[in-house]
Amino acid sequence: MMNTKSKILAIFMAAAMVLSLLAGMTPTRAWALEEGSSDELALHSPVKNGDNVASTYQFIWFAKNTDNTPIKWRILDKSSSELVLLSDGILTSMRFFSSTVLYGYYASNVNNGYMKNLFNNYFMSQEKSAVCVVNCGSNGPEPYLLSSSETSSSTYFPGGSADRATSGNWWLGSTAPNDSSAGHNLQMVVNSNGSISINGEYTYLTYGVRPAVRIKTASVLFASEASAGASAEVGNELVAVEPPAGDMKLTVLDNSQTLTIDQVMAGSNLSGSEVTVAYSGAAVSASNYLCAELAAGGVTHRGVIKALTAGGESGTAVFNLPASLTGSYTLRLWNEQYKAAYATNYACMPVSASIAFSQPVILGDGAGFPTGVAGTAYNSAALTAAGGTGDYTWSAANLPDGLSIDPSTGAVGGIPEDTGTFTVTVTVSDADSHTAAREFALTVYSSSNILPAITIVNGSPFSVTVYHTHGAYEGVNVTVYGDITGALSGNDTVLTGTLTGVPAVWTEVTLNGSRLKIRAVSPPSTTVDNPSFY
């Protein structure tokens, strides 16, 4: 990628900017993990591969264990509000209680001796904020043990015991029936082969601990490859986004990663045009970056456009439009602090922004002008533009004879004389003589009661000139009766071919969007009346 270019804000401030765009090319607001986004698609529930066959899980690296190593979690479930995670393996082994007296999970050694320590001392503050409050009463939102019902869930473990199996037995948060005659208290466990010990095991035994945790999706901004490190490649080009492959790390909301977007400016809406972002109030560090995301036409592009190091609290950054903007789009910018591989990134809530264009932009979906009929009054709706300065002036090239464009509104009107499909180039100019141009298709048909009409003999070659068509019927036209080939001859079209099965009555056919009447006469008649007119 190219290095980020510096631009002097005064150059753009000298030109009057349109700060709000007209309908047709407007920014729309969308937040991270929106349905169908690459990040949302990457974070999904397990996929079943068969009964007692290990399912396919997605994995997230999030927070650290008490030995300061990153924790690998599997996604058990995803809803609109939360991700349910389970450590992919046993994180530690310990007694549930030191004695046989049962006080429940919240009084256990697992909760008070390990889970609280893990959450309080090894989850970063931003990670703690992303954790949902489980039904823990006054004990807080720290990680917890799965219950027996959760462990039996076909949503969490669609492959059954094959999904629960791990290197050793591991504790559940559910109490098993007591063996009162022996005076022992029992806690349910999952055996190493994935089966669930319903009758439980003695609480003073040492078994593994696999914490579960729930993450608020509202706090998850993005997902990226887990191996990505603390530095990012800075450049001007935004790249099409695809769901991360393999293990992932998260970018979670962190309000301390501040950023204010003051203005976003561009010369034009065309692909490759340079967009300048003026920002202020940015949190800075050796691993903070200004990032941009542009979604338009069903494709999302992202990129890192500036390193926010010391001294970069305010300034400008540049990126290039990855595609021309002619309809609705979403532009988001954010300040992200990158962390080491397998560690969580932090970012502010993305800021939605609109682009002010210094040159005018013709709006609309490019569908073309409405069709017309030769000899009939024609009027199109006014065209719209955005950007530039002052009033707009409209002009058009290659309009059919009889039509003209209103220089103040862009509406096309008149009585068309020619027929066919025309590629009309419309140009809009602003008060500073900046221009923008777009091509629109305009088709004019012949009168509904007066169509070119040719008579043929079935099975015999014919050649007929249809006058004043300006390219209508050009090329090979496929009909149910055979192919008709149209060749240009000045403003006229010469039609040739050999047809079969043509009825003796006038029959209308459509050739490359234009209409025509044909009929057949039987040999030996050689008198063929061909009124070929428009």
Protein backbone atom coordinates (compact mmCIF):
# COMPACT_ATOMS: atom_id res chain seq x y z
CA MET A 1 0.00 0.00 0.00
CA MET A 2 1.03 3.60 -0.50
CA ASN A 3 2.11 5.72 2.47
CA THR A 4 -0.49 8.08 3.90
CA LYS A 5 -0.30 11.47 2.22
CA SER A 6 -0.51 14.74 4.11
CA LYS A 7 -2.89 17.34 2.73
CA ILE A 8 -3.19 20.97 3.77
CA LEU A 9 -6.70 21.59 5.01
CA ALA A 10 -6.69 25.16 3.72
CA ILE A 11 -6.63 23.95 0.11
CA PHE A 12 -10.00 22.33 0.58
CA MET A 13 -11.43 24.98 2.86
CA ALA A 14 -10.96 27.50 0.06
CA ALA A 15 -13.66 25.71 -1.90
CA ALA A 16 -17.21 25.82 -0.63
CA MET A 17 -18.34 22.37 0.37
CA VAL A 18 -21.79 20.86 0.31
CA LEU A 19 -22.16 19.32 3.74
CA SER A 20 -25.36 17.44 3.16
CA LEU A 21 -25.98 15.34 0.05
CA LEU A 22 -29.21 15.20 -1.89
CA ALA A 23 -31.36 12.07 -2.04
CA GLY A 24 -29.82 9.33 -4.12
CA MET A 25 -26.28 9.43 -2.75
CA THR A 26 -26.55 9.69 1.01
CA PRO A 27 -24.67 8.17 3.92
CA THR A 28 -26.59 5.55 5.89
CA ARG A 29 -25.85 4.66 9.48
CA ALA A 30 -24.78 1.14 10.40
CA TRP A 31 -22.95 -0.28 13.39
CA ALA A 32 -20.51 -3.13 13.81
CA LEU A 33 -21.79 -6.70 13.85
CA GLU A 34 -24.77 -5.66 11.76
CA GLU A 35 -26.55 -8.64 10.26
CA GLY A 36 -24.73 -9.93 7.22
CA SER A 37 -21.47 -8.05 7.87
CA SER A 38 -18.19 -9.96 7.49
CA ASP A 39 -17.63 -9.77 11.25
CA GLU A 40 -21.12 -11.00 12.09
CA LEU A 41 -20.81 -13.87 9.62
CA ALA A 42 -17.49 -14.94 11.14
CA LEU A 43 -18.95 -15.27 14.65
CA HIS A 44 -21.40 -18.16 14.52
CA SER A 45 -22.65 -21.12 16.49
CA PRO A 46 -21.13 -24.60 15.99
CA VAL A 47 -21.95 -26.59 12.87
CA LYS A 48 -23.04 -30.18 13.45
CA ASN A 49 -21.15 -32.85 11.52
CA GLY A 50 -23.11 -35.82 12.86
CA ASP A 51 -24.17 -37.55 16.08
CA ASN A 52 -21.17 -38.24 18.34
CA VAL A 53 -18.96 -36.62 15.71
CA ALA A 54 -16.97 -33.54 16.68
CA SER A 55 -18.71 -30.37 15.44
CA THR A 56 -17.03 -27.47 13.69
CA TYR A 57 -16.51 -24.56 16.10
CA GLN A 58 -15.31 -21.00 15.65
CA PHE A 59 -12.55 -19.96 18.08
CA ILE A 60 -11.82 -16.62 19.75
CA TRP A 61 -8.75 -15.63 21.74
CA PHE A 62 -9.85 -13.35 24.57
CA ALA A 63 -8.26 -12.33 27.89
CA LYS A 64 -5.44 -14.23 29.69
CA ASN A 65 -5.26 -17.16 32.07
CA THR A 66 -3.66 -16.87 35.50
CA ASP A 67 -0.32 -17.94 33.98
CA ASN A 68 -0.53 -14.90 31.62
CA THR A 69 -1.09 -17.01 28.51
CA PRO A 70 -3.94 -16.02 26.10
CA ILE A 71 -7.14 -18.05 26.45
CA LYS A 72 -8.64 -19.81 23.47
CA TRP A 73 -12.46 -19.98 23.58
CA ARG A 74 -14.96 -21.79 21.40
CA ILE A 75 -18.25 -20.12 20.46
CA LEU A 76 -21.10 -22.20 21.88
CA ASP A 77 -23.84 -19.90 20.67
CA LYS A 78 -24.48 -16.47 19.20
CA SER A 79 -27.65 -14.42 19.62
CA SER A 80 -28.47 -10.81 18.80
CA SER A 81 -27.31 -9.78 22.28
CA GLU A 82 -24.45 -12.09 23.31
CA LEU A 83 -21.78 -14.62 22.46
CA VAL A 84 -21.58 -17.66 24.72
CA LEU A 85 -17.98 -18.89 25.01
CA LEU A 86 -16.34 -21.91 26.66
CA SER A 87 -12.61 -22.34 27.12
CA ASP A 88 -11.42 -24.78 24.49
CA GLY A 89 -9.58 -26.84 27.06
CA ILE A 90 -9.04 -27.23 30.80
CA LEU A 91 -7.43 -24.05 32.18
CA THR A 92 -6.60 -25.32 35.64
CA SER A 93 -7.30 -28.32 37.92
CA MET A 94 -8.46 -28.03 41.52
CA ARG A 95 -10.79 -29.28 44.24
CA PHE A 96 -14.35 -28.02 44.11
CA PHE A 97 -14.27 -27.77 47.94
CA SER A 98 -11.57 -28.56 50.44
CA SER A 99 -14.01 -30.71 52.42
CA THR A 100 -17.15 -32.74 51.84
CA VAL A 101 -19.44 -29.95 53.10
CA LEU A 102 -21.43 -28.50 50.22
CA TYR A 103 -22.24 -24.80 50.10
CA GLY A 104 -22.95 -24.44 46.34
CA TYR A 105 -20.90 -23.06 43.45
CA TYR A 106 -20.68 -19.46 44.67
CA ALA A 107 -19.00 -20.54 47.91
CA SER A 108 -16.74 -23.03 46.14
CA ASN A 109 -12.97 -22.93 45.74
CA VAL A 110 -13.53 -22.86 41.97
CA ASN A 111 -15.49 -19.62 42.14
CA ASN A 112 -13.68 -17.82 44.96
CA GLY A 113 -10.22 -19.24 44.45
CA TYR A 114 -9.97 -19.22 40.67
CA MET A 115 -12.81 -17.54 38.74
CA LYS A 116 -12.69 -14.26 40.70
CA ASN A 117 -8.92 -14.10 40.43
CA LEU A 118 -9.09 -14.80 36.70
CA PHE A 119 -11.66 -12.08 36.06
CA ASN A 120 -10.36 -9.42 38.46
CA ASN A 121 -6.66 -9.71 37.69
CA TYR A 122 -6.28 -11.18 34.19
CA PHE A 123 -9.16 -9.64 32.22
CA MET A 124 -8.36 -6.10 31.04
CA SER A 125 -10.86 -3.40 32.01
CA GLN A 126 -12.17 -3.19 28.42
CA GLU A 127 -12.69 -6.96 28.39
CA LYS A 128 -14.53 -6.80 31.72
CA SER A 129 -16.87 -4.17 30.28
CA ALA A 130 -17.70 -6.49 27.38
CA VAL A 131 -18.69 -9.40 29.68
CA CYS A 132 -22.40 -9.92 30.36
CA VAL A 133 -23.63 -10.10 33.94
CA VAL A 134 -24.62 -13.72 34.46
CA ASN A 135 -27.06 -14.63 37.23
CA CYS A 136 -24.35 -14.37 39.86
CA GLY A 137 -26.16 -12.31 42.50
CA SER A 138 -23.68 -10.17 44.40
CA ASN A 139 -20.74 -12.17 43.06
CA GLY A 140 -20.52 -10.06 39.90
CA PRO A 141 -20.14 -10.96 36.20
CA GLU A 142 -17.03 -13.12 36.38
CA PRO A 143 -16.74 -16.32 34.30
CA TYR A 144 -18.76 -19.30 35.50
CA LEU A 145 -19.18 -23.06 35.19
CA LEU A 146 -21.72 -24.50 32.77
CA SER A 147 -24.76 -26.17 34.28
CA SER A 148 -25.81 -29.74 33.50
CA SER A 149 -28.65 -28.46 31.28
CA GLU A 150 -26.26 -26.23 29.31
CA THR A 151 -23.81 -29.08 28.90
CA SER A 152 -26.63 -31.26 27.51
CA SER A 153 -27.68 -28.55 25.03
CA SER A 154 -27.71 -29.63 21.40
CA THR A 155 -27.10 -25.98 20.48
CA TYR A 156 -23.88 -25.77 22.48
CA PHE A 157 -22.73 -29.34 21.80
CA PRO A 158 -24.50 -30.58 18.64
CA GLY A 159 -22.07 -33.50 18.34
CA GLY A 160 -22.85 -34.67 21.89
CA SER A 161 -20.06 -36.32 23.85
CA ALA A 162 -17.59 -35.84 20.97
CA ASP A 163 -17.87 -32.05 21.49
CA ARG A 164 -17.51 -32.24 25.28
CA ALA A 165 -14.50 -34.58 25.35
CA THR A 166 -11.18 -33.12 26.46
CA SER A 167 -7.94 -34.11 28.19
CA GLY A 168 -9.55 -34.82 31.59
CA ASN A 169 -12.69 -34.65 33.70
CA TRP A 170 -14.07 -31.13 34.32
CA TRP A 171 -16.42 -29.65 36.89
CA LEU A 172 -19.97 -28.46 36.18
CA GLY A 173 -21.81 -25.87 38.23
CA SER A 174 -24.70 -28.25 39.02
CA THR A 175 -24.94 -30.21 42.26
CA ALA A 176 -25.57 -33.97 41.99
CA PRO A 177 -27.86 -35.93 44.35
CA ASN A 178 -26.14 -36.46 47.72
CA ASP A 179 -25.16 -39.86 49.04
CA SER A 180 -26.62 -39.01 52.46
CA SER A 181 -25.90 -42.42 53.93
CA ALA A 182 -22.18 -41.92 53.46
CA GLY A 183 -22.32 -38.24 54.32
CA HIS A 184 -20.60 -37.19 51.10
CA ASN A 185 -21.57 -34.30 48.81
CA LEU A 186 -21.34 -34.72 45.07
CA GLN A 187 -20.87 -32.31 42.14
CA MET A 188 -21.63 -33.14 38.51
CA VAL A 189 -18.70 -33.44 36.11
CA VAL A 190 -18.02 -34.13 32.43
CA ASN A 191 -15.77 -37.11 31.93
CA SER A 192 -12.78 -36.97 29.60
CA ASN A 193 -14.72 -38.98 26.99
CA GLY A 194 -17.46 -36.34 26.99
CA SER A 195 -20.07 -38.28 28.96
CA ILE A 196 -21.81 -36.48 31.82
CA SER A 197 -21.51 -38.00 35.30
CA ILE A 198 -25.07 -37.44 36.51
CA ASN A 199 -24.43 -39.00 39.93
CA GLY A 200 -21.48 -36.68 40.39
CA GLU A 201 -18.06 -36.93 41.97
CA TYR A 202 -16.83 -36.05 45.44
CA THR A 203 -16.25 -32.33 45.78
CA TYR A 204 -12.84 -32.79 47.44
CA LEU A 205 -11.44 -34.49 44.34
CA THR A 206 -9.27 -32.59 41.85
CA TYR A 207 -10.77 -32.08 38.41
CA GLY A 208 -10.39 -29.61 35.57
CA VAL A 209 -11.99 -26.17 35.23
CA ARG A 210 -13.36 -24.94 31.89
CA PRO A 211 -14.77 -21.43 32.40
CA ALA A 212 -17.68 -20.12 30.35
CA VAL A 213 -18.25 -16.44 29.68
CA ARG A 214 -20.86 -14.36 27.89
CA ILE A 215 -19.79 -11.40 25.73
CA LYS A 216 -22.15 -8.56 24.86
CA THR A 217 -22.36 -8.23 21.07
CA ALA A 218 -22.99 -4.51 21.56
CA SER A 219 -19.43 -4.25 22.86
CA VAL A 220 -17.91 -6.19 19.96
CA LEU A 221 -16.95 -3.92 17.08
CA PHE A 222 -14.91 -6.13 14.77
CA ALA A 223 -13.36 -9.58 14.41
CA SER A 224 -9.92 -10.15 12.87
CA GLU A 225 -7.38 -12.92 12.51
CA ALA A 226 -5.98 -13.90 15.91
CA SER A 227 -2.39 -13.85 14.66
CA ALA A 228 -2.56 -10.13 13.75
CA GLY A 229 -0.10 -8.16 15.87
CA ALA A 230 0.24 -4.72 17.42
CA SER A 231 1.32 -2.96 14.23
CA ALA A 232 -0.77 -2.29 11.13
CA GLU A 233 0.02 -1.55 7.51
CA VAL A 234 -0.92 2.05 6.74
CA GLY A 235 -1.98 3.10 3.26
CA ASN A 236 -4.47 4.95 1.10
CA GLU A 237 -6.24 1.96 -0.40
CA LEU A 238 -9.28 0.37 1.25
CA VAL A 239 -9.53 -3.39 0.71
CA ALA A 240 -12.67 -5.50 0.27
CA VAL A 241 -13.49 -7.22 3.56
CA GLU A 242 -14.04 -10.95 3.94
CA PRO A 243 -14.75 -12.96 7.11
CA PRO A 244 -11.51 -13.84 8.94
CA ALA A 245 -10.17 -17.32 8.26
CA GLY A 246 -9.24 -19.47 11.24
CA ASP A 247 -9.00 -18.36 14.87
CA MET A 248 -10.10 -14.81 15.67
CA LYS A 249 -9.48 -11.99 18.10
CA LEU A 250 -11.99 -9.26 18.88
CA THR A 251 -11.96 -5.49 18.80
CA VAL A 252 -14.11 -4.31 21.71
CA LEU A 253 -15.52 -0.91 22.59
CA ASP A 254 -13.20 1.36 24.56
CA ASN A 255 -14.42 4.90 25.16
CA SER A 256 -10.89 6.06 26.04
CA GLN A 257 -9.87 5.65 22.36
CA THR A 258 -11.28 9.07 21.53
CA LEU A 259 -11.78 10.55 18.05
CA THR A 260 -13.71 13.47 16.54
CA ILE A 261 -14.30 13.70 12.78
CA ASP A 262 -14.41 17.37 11.76
CA GLN A 263 -14.90 17.05 8.00
CA VAL A 264 -14.55 14.56 5.16
CA MET A 265 -13.82 16.03 1.72
CA ALA A 266 -13.30 14.73 -1.81
CA GLY A 267 -12.80 16.21 -5.24
CA SER A 268 -15.30 13.89 -6.93
CA ASN A 269 -17.29 10.72 -6.42
CA LEU A 270 -15.31 8.68 -8.94
CA SER A 271 -13.31 5.55 -8.16
CA GLY A 272 -9.77 6.45 -7.13
CA SER A 273 -10.68 9.97 -6.03
CA GLU A 274 -8.77 11.15 -2.99
CA VAL A 275 -10.78 11.61 0.21
CA THR A 276 -9.32 13.79 2.96
CA VAL A 277 -10.42 13.26 6.56
CA ALA A 278 -9.93 16.11 9.03
CA TYR A 279 -9.98 14.86 12.63
CA SER A 280 -9.18 16.01 16.16
CA GLY A 281 -9.21 14.81 19.76
CA ALA A 282 -7.59 11.47 18.92
CA ALA A 283 -6.07 9.26 21.60
CA VAL A 284 -2.50 8.46 20.54
CA SER A 285 0.07 5.75 21.23
CA ALA A 286 2.64 3.68 19.38
CA SER A 287 -0.14 1.29 18.31
CA ASN A 288 -3.15 3.57 17.71
CA TYR A 289 -4.48 3.89 14.17
CA LEU A 290 -7.16 5.84 12.30
CA CYS A 291 -9.26 3.32 10.37
CA ALA A 292 -11.90 3.76 7.68
CA GLU A 293 -14.71 1.59 6.33
CA LEU A 294 -16.76 2.36 3.22
CA ALA A 295 -19.75 0.21 2.29
CA ALA A 296 -21.47 0.79 -1.07
CA GLY A 297 -23.07 -1.35 -3.72
CA GLY A 298 -23.11 -4.41 -1.46
CA VAL A 299 -19.32 -4.38 -0.93
CA THR A 300 -17.50 -3.26 2.22
CA HIS A 301 -13.94 -1.92 2.06
CA ARG A 302 -11.67 -1.21 5.05
CA GLY A 303 -8.22 0.14 5.63
CA VAL A 304 -5.82 1.74 8.11
CA ILE A 305 -5.21 5.27 6.84
CA LYS A 306 -2.97 6.84 9.50
CA ALA A 307 -0.83 5.94 12.51
CA LEU A 308 -1.99 8.02 15.51
CA THR A 309 1.34 8.40 17.28
CA ALA A 310 2.42 11.18 19.66
CA GLY A 311 1.72 14.58 18.10
CA GLY A 312 -1.05 13.17 15.90
CA GLU A 313 -3.96 14.15 18.16
CA SER A 314 -5.37 16.24 15.28
CA GLY A 315 -4.66 16.55 11.58
CA THR A 316 -5.69 14.99 8.28
CA ALA A 317 -5.55 11.55 6.70
CA VAL A 318 -6.20 10.41 3.15
CA PHE A 319 -7.75 7.41 1.44
CA ASN A 320 -8.88 6.70 -2.12
CA LEU A 321 -12.43 5.82 -3.08
CA PRO A 322 -12.40 2.09 -3.92
CA ALA A 323 -15.42 2.51 -6.20
CA SER A 324 -17.51 5.33 -7.65
CA LEU A 325 -20.29 6.54 -5.34
CA THR A 326 -23.60 7.00 -7.13
CA GLY A 327 -26.08 5.70 -4.54
CA SER A 328 -26.36 5.17 -0.80
CA TYR A 329 -23.18 4.45 1.11
CA THR A 330 -21.91 4.05 4.67
CA LEU A 331 -18.66 5.69 5.75
CA ARG A 332 -17.34 4.95 9.26
CA LEU A 333 -14.10 6.02 10.88
CA TRP A 334 -12.63 4.97 14.22
CA ASN A 335 -9.54 5.04 16.42
CA GLU A 336 -8.27 1.52 17.13
CA GLN A 337 -5.50 0.45 19.48
CA TYR A 338 -3.87 -2.68 18.11
CA LYS A 339 -2.57 -5.29 20.57
CA ALA A 340 -0.24 -8.26 20.27
CA ALA A 341 -1.28 -11.44 18.48
CA TYR A 342 -4.02 -13.36 20.33
CA ALA A 343 -4.82 -10.27 22.44
CA THR A 344 -7.97 -8.13 22.28
CA ASN A 345 -7.90 -4.82 20.36
CA TYR A 346 -9.68 -1.68 21.63
CA ALA A 347 -11.51 0.99 19.64
CA CYS A 348 -13.91 3.88 20.00
CA MET A 349 -17.43 3.56 18.63
CA PRO A 350 -17.13 4.08 14.85
CA VAL A 351 -18.19 7.56 13.73
CA SER A 352 -20.51 7.78 10.72
CA ALA A 353 -19.65 10.61 8.34
CA SER A 354 -20.71 12.03 4.98
CA ILE A 355 -18.38 13.17 2.22
CA ALA A 356 -18.48 16.77 0.95
CA PHE A 357 -17.56 16.90 -2.73
CA SER A 358 -15.81 19.97 -4.16
CA GLN A 359 -16.97 19.02 -7.68
CA PRO A 360 -20.60 18.41 -8.61
CA VAL A 361 -21.89 14.86 -8.71
CA ILE A 362 -24.85 13.67 -10.78
CA LEU A 363 -27.06 11.54 -8.56
CA GLY A 364 -29.32 8.61 -9.35
CA ASP A 365 -29.03 4.90 -10.04
CA GLY A 366 -28.09 5.29 -13.73
CA ALA A 367 -31.21 3.43 -14.89
CA GLY A 368 -31.63 5.83 -17.82
CA PHE A 369 -34.34 8.14 -19.09
CA PRO A 370 -37.92 6.90 -19.52
CA THR A 371 -38.79 5.57 -22.98
CA GLY A 372 -40.62 7.72 -25.51
CA VAL A 373 -42.67 7.36 -28.69
CA ALA A 374 -41.80 9.16 -31.91
CA GLY A 375 -44.15 12.04 -32.66
CA THR A 376 -45.48 12.13 -29.09
CA ALA A 377 -44.70 14.78 -26.46
CA TYR A 378 -41.91 13.62 -24.12
CA ASN A 379 -40.98 14.88 -20.65
CA SER A 380 -38.55 13.39 -18.12
CA ALA A 381 -38.16 14.24 -14.47
CA ALA A 382 -35.55 16.79 -13.44
CA LEU A 383 -32.05 15.49 -12.72
CA THR A 384 -30.35 16.08 -9.37
CA ALA A 385 -26.77 16.78 -8.37
CA ALA A 386 -24.75 17.37 -5.21
CA GLY A 387 -21.45 19.04 -4.41
CA GLY A 388 -19.78 21.92 -6.17
CA THR A 389 -20.70 25.58 -5.70
CA GLY A 390 -23.60 27.79 -6.71
CA ASP A 391 -26.30 26.90 -9.21
CA TYR A 392 -26.02 24.03 -11.67
CA THR A 393 -26.19 24.23 -15.47
CA TRP A 394 -27.16 21.13 -17.45
CA SER A 395 -26.30 20.12 -21.02
CA ALA A 396 -26.66 16.91 -23.07
CA ALA A 397 -25.09 15.35 -26.15
CA ASN A 398 -26.59 12.79 -28.56
CA LEU A 399 -30.23 13.45 -27.76
CA PRO A 400 -32.71 12.26 -30.45
CA ASP A 401 -33.81 14.99 -32.87
CA GLY A 402 -36.69 16.95 -31.39
CA LEU A 403 -35.57 16.64 -27.75
CA SER A 404 -33.57 19.08 -25.61
CA ILE A 405 -32.48 19.38 -22.00
CA ASP A 406 -33.56 22.22 -19.69
CA PRO A 407 -30.28 23.89 -18.64
CA SER A 408 -31.64 24.82 -15.21
CA THR A 409 -33.34 21.56 -14.18
CA GLY A 410 -31.83 18.79 -16.30
CA ALA A 411 -35.27 17.67 -17.46
CA VAL A 412 -35.48 16.42 -21.06
CA GLY A 413 -38.50 17.38 -23.15
CA GLY A 414 -39.88 17.89 -26.67
CA ILE A 415 -41.30 15.70 -29.42
CA PRO A 416 -38.80 13.03 -30.53
CA GLU A 417 -38.41 12.55 -34.28
CA ASP A 418 -35.86 9.73 -34.33
CA THR A 419 -36.33 6.20 -33.05
CA GLY A 420 -33.92 3.75 -31.47
CA THR A 421 -31.78 3.56 -28.32
CA PHE A 422 -29.48 6.52 -27.74
CA THR A 423 -26.58 6.89 -25.33
CA VAL A 424 -27.02 10.41 -24.01
CA THR A 425 -24.11 12.11 -22.23
CA VAL A 426 -25.39 14.55 -19.59
CA THR A 427 -23.03 17.16 -18.15
CA VAL A 428 -23.61 19.36 -15.11
CA SER A 429 -21.52 22.48 -14.42
CA ASP A 430 -21.33 24.50 -11.22
CA ALA A 431 -20.67 28.21 -10.71
CA ASP A 432 -16.89 27.61 -10.74
CA SER A 433 -17.07 25.72 -14.05
CA HIS A 434 -16.39 22.37 -12.38
CA THR A 435 -18.16 19.64 -14.31
CA ALA A 436 -19.36 16.08 -13.96
CA ALA A 437 -20.78 13.83 -16.68
CA ARG A 438 -22.75 10.59 -16.84
CA GLU A 439 -24.20 8.50 -19.62
CA PHE A 440 -27.90 7.60 -19.72
CA ALA A 441 -29.81 5.38 -22.14
CA LEU A 442 -32.90 6.81 -23.87
CA THR A 443 -35.06 4.63 -26.12
CA VAL A 444 -37.66 6.07 -28.51
CA TYR A 445 -40.13 3.67 -30.09
CA SER A 446 -42.16 4.21 -33.24
CA SER A 447 -45.79 5.17 -32.96
CA SER A 448 -47.90 2.39 -31.52
CA ASN A 449 -49.98 2.38 -34.72
CA ILE A 450 -47.20 2.87 -37.27
CA LEU A 451 -44.51 0.19 -37.15
CA PRO A 452 -42.01 -0.80 -39.81
CA ALA A 453 -43.71 -3.64 -41.68
CA ILE A 454 -42.06 -6.14 -44.02
CA THR A 455 -43.49 -8.99 -46.05
CA ILE A 456 -41.47 -12.14 -46.68
CA VAL A 457 -41.78 -15.54 -48.32
CA ASN A 458 -41.25 -18.35 -45.85
CA GLY A 459 -38.02 -20.19 -46.60
CA SER A 460 -36.73 -17.54 -49.05
CA PRO A 461 -33.97 -14.98 -48.31
CA PHE A 462 -35.09 -11.36 -48.05
CA SER A 463 -33.40 -7.95 -47.86
CA VAL A 464 -35.40 -4.91 -46.76
CA THR A 465 -34.26 -1.40 -45.82
CA VAL A 466 -36.01 0.17 -42.84
CA TYR A 467 -35.44 3.89 -43.00
CA HIS A 468 -34.37 6.44 -40.41
CA THR A 469 -33.73 3.92 -37.59
CA HIS A 470 -30.33 5.16 -36.34
CA GLY A 471 -29.09 1.72 -35.36
CA ALA A 472 -32.34 0.06 -34.32
CA TYR A 473 -32.27 -3.66 -35.16
CA GLU A 474 -28.47 -3.65 -35.64
CA GLY A 475 -26.83 -7.03 -35.11
CA VAL A 476 -28.34 -10.50 -35.02
CA ASN A 477 -31.96 -10.48 -33.84
CA VAL A 478 -33.29 -13.86 -32.77
CA THR A 479 -37.01 -14.53 -33.32
CA VAL A 480 -39.13 -17.67 -33.12
CA TYR A 481 -39.22 -17.65 -36.94
CA GLY A 482 -35.45 -17.41 -37.43
CA ASP A 483 -32.66 -14.84 -37.21
CA ILE A 484 -32.97 -11.37 -38.71
CA THR A 485 -29.65 -9.53 -39.17
CA GLY A 486 -29.61 -5.74 -39.13
CA ALA A 487 -26.75 -3.80 -40.77
CA LEU A 488 -26.30 -0.03 -40.64
CA SER A 489 -26.53 1.99 -43.83
CA GLY A 490 -26.23 5.63 -42.85
CA ASN A 491 -29.28 6.39 -40.70
CA ASP A 492 -31.09 3.34 -42.09
CA THR A 493 -30.94 -0.36 -41.24
CA VAL A 494 -30.88 -3.14 -43.84
CA LEU A 495 -32.65 -6.26 -42.59
CA THR A 496 -31.76 -9.63 -44.09
CA GLY A 497 -32.57 -13.25 -43.28
CA THR A 498 -34.54 -16.37 -44.09
CA LEU A 499 -37.60 -17.05 -41.96
CA THR A 500 -40.00 -19.96 -41.69
CA GLY A 501 -43.38 -20.31 -40.08
CA VAL A 502 -44.30 -16.62 -40.36
CA PRO A 503 -48.12 -16.19 -40.29
CA ALA A 504 -49.98 -14.62 -43.19
CA VAL A 505 -51.40 -11.93 -40.87
CA TRP A 506 -49.35 -9.00 -39.59
CA THR A 507 -47.44 -10.19 -36.52
CA GLU A 508 -45.46 -7.95 -34.20
CA VAL A 509 -41.96 -9.01 -33.10
CA THR A 510 -39.35 -7.26 -30.97
CA LEU A 511 -35.81 -6.90 -32.29
CA ASN A 512 -33.13 -5.67 -29.85
CA GLY A 513 -35.70 -3.61 -27.98
CA SER A 514 -37.43 -2.13 -31.08
CA ARG A 515 -40.69 -3.34 -32.60
CA LEU A 516 -41.45 -4.57 -36.11
CA LYS A 517 -44.36 -6.12 -38.02
CA ILE A 518 -43.88 -9.10 -40.33
CA ARG A 519 -46.18 -11.29 -42.49
CA ALA A 520 -45.67 -14.02 -45.08
CA VAL A 521 -47.11 -14.53 -48.58
CA SER A 522 -47.13 -17.84 -50.44
CA PRO A 523 -45.22 -18.51 -53.67
CA PRO A 524 -45.56 -18.11 -56.60
CA SER A 525 -46.59 -14.60 -55.60
CA THR A 526 -43.63 -12.27 -56.05
CA THR A 527 -45.43 -9.05 -55.30
CA VAL A 528 -44.22 -7.95 -51.85
CA ASP A 529 -45.45 -4.67 -50.36
CA ASN A 530 -42.87 -3.43 -47.87
CA PRO A 531 -43.84 -0.11 -46.31
CA SER A 532 -40.67 0.39 -44.29
CA PHE A 533 -41.09 3.60 -42.37
CA TYR A 534 -40.94 5.05 -38.88
